[in-house]
Amino acid sequence: MVGLKKYCLMLLVALLALPALAAMPVGDDDDQDPSIRPGIRRLHPERERVKAMKRLQQQMSRKAEPKDDPWDTSDDLWGTVDLPPVTQRDSTAVEGRRLHTSKTPAEQAALDSLLSIDYSISEFGYRRMTWHDLPVTATVDQLMPYFTVDSGECRSKYVSLDKTSNEVYFAFSIHEGDSLPGPLRLCVLYCADDPLDFDQLVFTIDGYDYPFYPAHPQRETLDGGLYRESSDDVLLEVHKDLVYALAHSNWVALKLVSERGIHHVKMLTDGQRADFAHTLDLYRLCGGDFGQ
């Protein structure tokens, strides 16, 4: 009889405990059965990453104990926790199909020809120009509106000879009754409030340097503390690449190099570059044989 009472009491206690067990919170997924734990981690990978970040922060916050060997990094805190990687698209199958896709011989030959092409940017850059005896397509009547003839000197009408001007241009002499023009010349005018004393010109044309050495640069002091320097040189056979490059340039930078170690750089305008081309064409139409 006593045993029956004891059994009934235990059954009653168990029945009373069931609601309490059902109300208890479910533990972390680490407490779940291993058979269902991977599924939970796949559904919520961010939980693992957050926990790993917390563990890493805890490790970093601990003070490292002094070591006899200052180069010992065996317990280095940086990177000691493996962070679950962010889910990324697995392209192995796609790459595999791409690599093993069969091609006909004609398709493979076309692909090989494309892959063999050098696509480096240097192939599309500018090249150093040399003289080419190209025909002049314009006529004298078409070109003359761009020029002025003053005291027998022909130059672009846009060139200013004012003493304070900065100019660089071609010019040549032409006199009535003469069958041929005088030699083509390179003229430079420079004015500033400090003397430069240039003795060399370096034209950087489409990325390539073309040096030029003026024979007798002229220098003078103007009123108002200004200094004027100029050069006027006949262009010879050795200069024909420079002449051609100036007349066919895409961009030009002129550096006046000073014997005193001071330099001045000027970007030429589109109008100045066009003047070079027009002057060379007119010179050749008038009978000039430069570059022949």
Protein backbone atom coordinates (compact mmCIF):
# COMPACT_ATOMS: atom_id res chain seq x y z
CA MET A 1 0.00 0.00 0.00
CA VAL A 2 2.82 2.33 0.87
CA GLY A 3 4.54 1.56 -2.46
CA LEU A 4 1.39 2.47 -4.40
CA LYS A 5 1.11 5.82 -2.62
CA LYS A 6 4.75 6.58 -3.39
CA TYR A 7 4.28 5.77 -7.08
CA CYS A 8 1.21 7.98 -7.32
CA LEU A 9 3.09 10.87 -5.69
CA MET A 10 5.94 10.63 -8.18
CA LEU A 11 3.50 10.54 -11.10
CA LEU A 12 1.78 13.64 -9.77
CA VAL A 13 5.09 15.53 -9.48
CA ALA A 14 6.02 14.58 -13.05
CA LEU A 15 2.68 15.78 -14.40
CA LEU A 16 3.08 19.10 -12.61
CA ALA A 17 6.60 19.58 -14.04
CA LEU A 18 5.62 19.13 -17.71
CA PRO A 19 4.22 22.69 -18.23
CA ALA A 20 7.37 24.20 -16.73
CA LEU A 21 9.62 22.21 -19.05
CA ALA A 22 7.56 23.21 -22.06
CA ALA A 23 7.89 26.90 -21.12
CA MET A 24 11.70 26.79 -20.86
CA PRO A 25 13.53 28.74 -23.69
CA VAL A 26 15.28 26.74 -26.37
CA GLY A 27 19.03 26.87 -26.01
CA ASP A 28 21.59 28.02 -28.58
CA ASP A 29 21.89 25.97 -31.75
CA ASP A 30 25.14 24.58 -30.34
CA ASP A 31 22.94 22.67 -27.83
CA GLN A 32 20.89 21.07 -30.56
CA ASP A 33 21.36 17.58 -31.82
CA PRO A 34 24.21 17.44 -34.36
CA SER A 35 21.86 16.04 -36.97
CA ILE A 36 19.83 19.26 -37.10
CA ARG A 37 22.57 21.77 -36.17
CA PRO A 38 24.01 22.16 -39.72
CA GLY A 39 20.57 22.98 -41.07
CA ILE A 40 20.12 25.77 -38.54
CA ARG A 41 23.54 27.21 -39.35
CA ARG A 42 22.76 27.25 -43.05
CA LEU A 43 19.54 29.14 -42.39
CA HIS A 44 21.24 31.71 -40.12
CA PRO A 45 24.94 32.00 -41.06
CA GLU A 46 25.05 35.54 -39.71
CA ARG A 47 24.73 34.16 -36.17
CA GLU A 48 28.01 32.28 -36.50
CA ARG A 49 29.76 35.33 -37.90
CA VAL A 50 28.51 37.55 -35.09
CA LYS A 51 29.65 35.07 -32.47
CA ALA A 52 33.06 34.74 -34.12
CA MET A 53 33.45 38.52 -34.17
CA LYS A 54 32.64 38.64 -30.46
CA ARG A 55 35.23 35.97 -29.70
CA LEU A 56 37.83 37.87 -31.71
CA GLN A 57 37.05 41.12 -29.86
CA GLN A 58 37.35 39.31 -26.54
CA GLN A 59 40.74 37.91 -27.50
CA MET A 60 41.98 41.30 -28.66
CA SER A 61 40.83 42.96 -25.46
CA ARG A 62 42.97 40.67 -23.32
CA LYS A 63 46.40 41.92 -22.40
CA ALA A 64 49.18 39.81 -23.82
CA GLU A 65 51.58 38.38 -21.27
CA PRO A 66 55.22 39.51 -21.54
CA LYS A 67 57.47 37.11 -23.41
CA ASP A 68 61.18 36.49 -23.29
CA ASP A 69 61.31 36.52 -27.11
CA PRO A 70 59.82 39.82 -28.40
CA TRP A 71 59.47 38.31 -31.92
CA ASP A 72 57.34 35.36 -30.71
CA THR A 73 53.94 35.59 -32.38
CA SER A 74 52.68 32.11 -31.50
CA ASP A 75 49.67 33.53 -29.64
CA ASP A 76 49.14 36.56 -31.84
CA LEU A 77 45.55 37.67 -31.41
CA TRP A 78 45.11 38.92 -34.95
CA GLY A 79 43.22 36.40 -37.05
CA THR A 80 43.09 33.65 -34.43
CA VAL A 81 39.33 33.27 -34.94
CA ASP A 82 38.18 31.85 -38.23
CA LEU A 83 35.29 33.89 -39.57
CA PRO A 84 32.73 31.97 -41.63
CA PRO A 85 33.04 33.22 -45.19
CA VAL A 86 30.30 35.28 -46.73
CA THR A 87 28.20 33.16 -49.03
CA GLN A 88 29.36 33.63 -52.62
CA ARG A 89 28.17 32.25 -55.90
CA ASP A 90 30.01 29.10 -56.78
CA SER A 91 31.19 29.62 -60.34
CA THR A 92 33.13 26.35 -60.56
CA ALA A 93 30.46 24.63 -62.59
CA VAL A 94 30.09 27.60 -64.92
CA GLU A 95 33.84 27.92 -65.43
CA GLY A 96 34.05 24.19 -65.99
CA ARG A 97 31.46 24.29 -68.71
CA ARG A 98 33.17 27.29 -70.27
CA LEU A 99 36.58 25.60 -70.31
CA HIS A 100 35.31 22.32 -71.68
CA THR A 101 32.94 23.68 -74.30
CA SER A 102 33.89 22.15 -77.58
CA LYS A 103 34.72 24.45 -80.49
CA THR A 104 35.05 23.85 -84.15
CA PRO A 105 38.53 24.35 -85.66
CA ALA A 106 37.37 27.59 -87.30
CA GLU A 107 36.01 28.93 -83.99
CA GLN A 108 39.21 27.97 -82.16
CA ALA A 109 41.34 29.65 -84.84
CA ALA A 110 39.27 32.84 -84.56
CA LEU A 111 39.60 32.80 -80.76
CA ASP A 112 43.37 32.26 -80.97
CA SER A 113 43.74 35.18 -83.38
CA LEU A 114 41.88 37.47 -80.98
CA LEU A 115 43.94 36.35 -78.00
CA SER A 116 47.19 36.90 -79.91
CA ILE A 117 46.49 40.60 -80.52
CA ASP A 118 48.51 43.05 -78.40
CA TYR A 119 45.92 45.34 -76.85
CA SER A 120 48.43 47.48 -74.93
CA ILE A 121 47.70 51.20 -74.97
CA SER A 122 51.04 51.92 -76.61
CA GLU A 123 49.67 50.56 -79.87
CA PHE A 124 47.21 53.43 -79.97
CA GLY A 125 49.50 56.20 -78.80
CA TYR A 126 51.25 58.86 -80.88
CA ARG A 127 54.50 58.08 -82.63
CA ARG A 128 57.49 60.33 -83.19
CA MET A 129 56.93 62.06 -86.50
CA THR A 130 59.40 62.31 -89.35
CA TRP A 131 59.25 64.30 -92.53
CA HIS A 132 56.86 63.13 -95.24
CA ASP A 133 56.58 64.91 -98.56
CA LEU A 134 52.79 65.03 -98.59
CA PRO A 135 50.99 66.92 -101.33
CA VAL A 136 49.40 70.27 -100.44
CA THR A 137 45.65 70.11 -100.99
CA ALA A 138 44.89 73.82 -100.43
CA THR A 139 45.52 76.62 -102.93
CA VAL A 140 47.28 79.95 -102.56
CA ASP A 141 43.97 81.78 -102.84
CA GLN A 142 42.51 79.66 -100.03
CA LEU A 143 45.49 80.26 -97.73
CA MET A 144 46.28 83.95 -98.29
CA PRO A 145 43.34 85.22 -96.12
CA TYR A 146 45.20 83.76 -93.12
CA PHE A 147 48.37 85.79 -93.82
CA THR A 148 49.80 89.24 -93.93
CA VAL A 149 52.80 90.37 -95.97
CA ASP A 150 54.66 93.20 -94.27
CA SER A 151 57.87 94.60 -95.82
CA GLY A 152 58.29 91.40 -97.78
CA GLU A 153 57.81 89.08 -94.78
CA CYS A 154 54.92 86.62 -94.89
CA ARG A 155 53.50 85.42 -91.56
CA SER A 156 50.17 84.56 -90.00
CA LYS A 157 47.93 87.58 -89.55
CA TYR A 158 47.22 86.38 -86.00
CA VAL A 159 50.83 86.87 -84.90
CA SER A 160 51.39 90.03 -82.84
CA LEU A 161 54.74 91.78 -83.09
CA ASP A 162 54.03 93.94 -80.06
CA LYS A 163 57.11 94.09 -77.84
CA THR A 164 55.21 92.58 -74.90
CA SER A 165 53.81 89.65 -76.91
CA ASN A 166 54.74 86.00 -76.51
CA GLU A 167 54.73 84.24 -79.89
CA VAL A 168 56.19 81.29 -81.75
CA TYR A 169 55.61 80.94 -85.51
CA PHE A 170 56.96 80.21 -88.99
CA ALA A 171 57.75 83.04 -91.40
CA PHE A 172 59.42 83.51 -94.75
CA SER A 173 60.26 86.41 -97.03
CA ILE A 174 58.66 86.89 -100.40
CA HIS A 175 59.30 89.82 -102.71
CA GLU A 176 57.58 90.85 -105.89
CA GLY A 177 59.56 89.70 -108.87
CA ASP A 178 61.29 86.89 -106.99
CA SER A 179 60.55 83.45 -108.38
CA LEU A 180 61.15 81.70 -105.09
CA PRO A 181 60.56 82.65 -101.44
CA GLY A 182 63.32 83.05 -98.91
CA PRO A 183 64.10 80.25 -96.44
CA LEU A 184 61.52 79.15 -93.90
CA ARG A 185 62.28 80.53 -90.42
CA LEU A 186 61.31 79.74 -86.84
CA CYS A 187 60.60 82.88 -84.80
CA VAL A 188 60.13 83.17 -81.02
CA LEU A 189 59.12 86.24 -78.98
CA TYR A 190 59.21 86.18 -75.19
CA CYS A 191 58.47 88.96 -72.71
CA ALA A 192 58.31 88.84 -68.90
CA ASP A 193 59.13 90.88 -65.81
CA ASP A 194 62.21 88.74 -65.11
CA PRO A 195 65.03 87.95 -67.56
CA LEU A 196 65.15 84.35 -68.79
CA ASP A 197 68.15 84.32 -71.14
CA PHE A 198 66.97 81.21 -73.01
CA ASP A 199 69.47 79.44 -75.23
CA GLN A 200 67.53 76.31 -76.13
CA LEU A 201 63.98 75.47 -77.26
CA VAL A 202 62.47 72.07 -76.50
CA PHE A 203 59.26 71.32 -78.36
CA THR A 204 57.34 68.41 -76.82
CA ILE A 205 55.08 67.28 -79.65
CA ASP A 206 52.60 64.48 -78.97
CA GLY A 207 54.86 63.28 -76.16
CA TYR A 208 58.22 63.43 -78.00
CA ASP A 209 60.93 66.04 -77.53
CA TYR A 210 62.39 67.96 -80.46
CA PRO A 211 65.25 70.21 -79.28
CA PHE A 212 66.23 73.33 -81.18
CA TYR A 213 69.17 75.65 -80.54
CA PRO A 214 68.67 79.27 -81.65
CA ALA A 215 71.82 80.75 -83.10
CA HIS A 216 71.71 84.30 -81.78
CA PRO A 217 68.94 85.06 -79.25
CA GLN A 218 68.36 88.80 -78.82
CA ARG A 219 67.71 90.42 -75.44
CA GLU A 220 66.61 93.91 -74.46
CA THR A 221 65.16 95.76 -71.47
CA LEU A 222 61.84 97.56 -71.90
CA ASP A 223 60.21 100.34 -69.93
CA GLY A 224 58.26 99.22 -66.89
CA GLY A 225 60.79 96.63 -65.78
CA LEU A 226 60.05 94.20 -68.61
CA TYR A 227 62.55 92.04 -70.47
CA ARG A 228 62.12 91.02 -74.11
CA GLU A 229 63.92 88.11 -75.71
CA SER A 230 63.62 86.85 -79.27
CA SER A 231 65.14 84.49 -81.78
CA ASP A 232 64.81 84.22 -85.57
CA ASP A 233 66.48 81.21 -87.18
CA VAL A 234 66.56 79.70 -90.65
CA LEU A 235 65.25 76.13 -90.65
CA LEU A 236 67.68 73.72 -92.28
CA GLU A 237 67.53 70.16 -93.56
CA VAL A 238 68.31 68.80 -90.08
CA HIS A 239 65.17 70.50 -88.77
CA LYS A 240 62.69 69.00 -91.24
CA ASP A 241 61.28 66.46 -88.72
CA LEU A 242 60.57 69.30 -86.29
CA VAL A 243 58.89 71.32 -89.05
CA TYR A 244 56.70 68.41 -90.09
CA ALA A 245 55.78 67.57 -86.48
CA LEU A 246 54.79 71.17 -85.69
CA ALA A 247 52.58 71.28 -88.78
CA HIS A 248 50.88 67.94 -88.03
CA SER A 249 50.76 67.98 -84.24
CA ASN A 250 47.92 67.06 -81.93
CA TRP A 251 49.39 69.04 -79.04
CA VAL A 252 52.59 71.00 -78.44
CA ALA A 253 54.36 72.24 -75.31
CA LEU A 254 57.28 74.63 -75.72
CA LYS A 255 59.95 74.87 -73.04
CA LEU A 256 62.35 77.79 -73.16
CA VAL A 257 65.51 76.51 -71.49
CA SER A 258 67.64 79.13 -69.78
CA GLU A 259 71.38 79.08 -69.45
CA ARG A 260 70.80 80.34 -65.89
CA GLY A 261 68.83 77.22 -64.91
CA ILE A 262 65.42 78.89 -65.19
CA HIS A 263 62.86 77.50 -67.64
CA HIS A 264 59.51 78.63 -68.98
CA VAL A 265 56.89 76.24 -70.37
CA LYS A 266 54.02 77.26 -72.64
CA MET A 267 51.28 75.14 -74.19
CA LEU A 268 50.66 76.20 -77.77
CA THR A 269 47.08 76.97 -78.73
CA ASP A 270 45.11 75.28 -81.48
CA GLY A 271 45.40 78.49 -83.48
CA GLN A 272 49.19 78.50 -83.24
CA ARG A 273 49.38 74.87 -84.35
CA ALA A 274 47.09 75.64 -87.31
CA ASP A 275 49.34 78.58 -88.25
CA PHE A 276 52.33 76.21 -88.51
CA ALA A 277 50.42 73.99 -90.94
CA HIS A 278 49.09 76.87 -93.05
CA THR A 279 52.50 78.57 -93.27
CA LEU A 280 54.28 75.40 -94.33
CA ASP A 281 51.64 74.75 -97.01
CA LEU A 282 51.81 78.31 -98.35
CA TYR A 283 55.60 78.23 -98.35
CA ARG A 284 55.64 75.07 -100.47
CA LEU A 285 52.97 76.43 -102.83
CA CYS A 286 55.11 79.52 -103.34
CA GLY A 287 57.99 77.31 -104.47
CA GLY A 288 59.75 76.64 -101.20
CA ASP A 289 61.42 73.23 -101.33
CA PHE A 290 62.02 72.64 -97.67
CA GLY A 291 62.34 68.97 -96.89
CA GLN A 292 62.95 67.90 -100.47
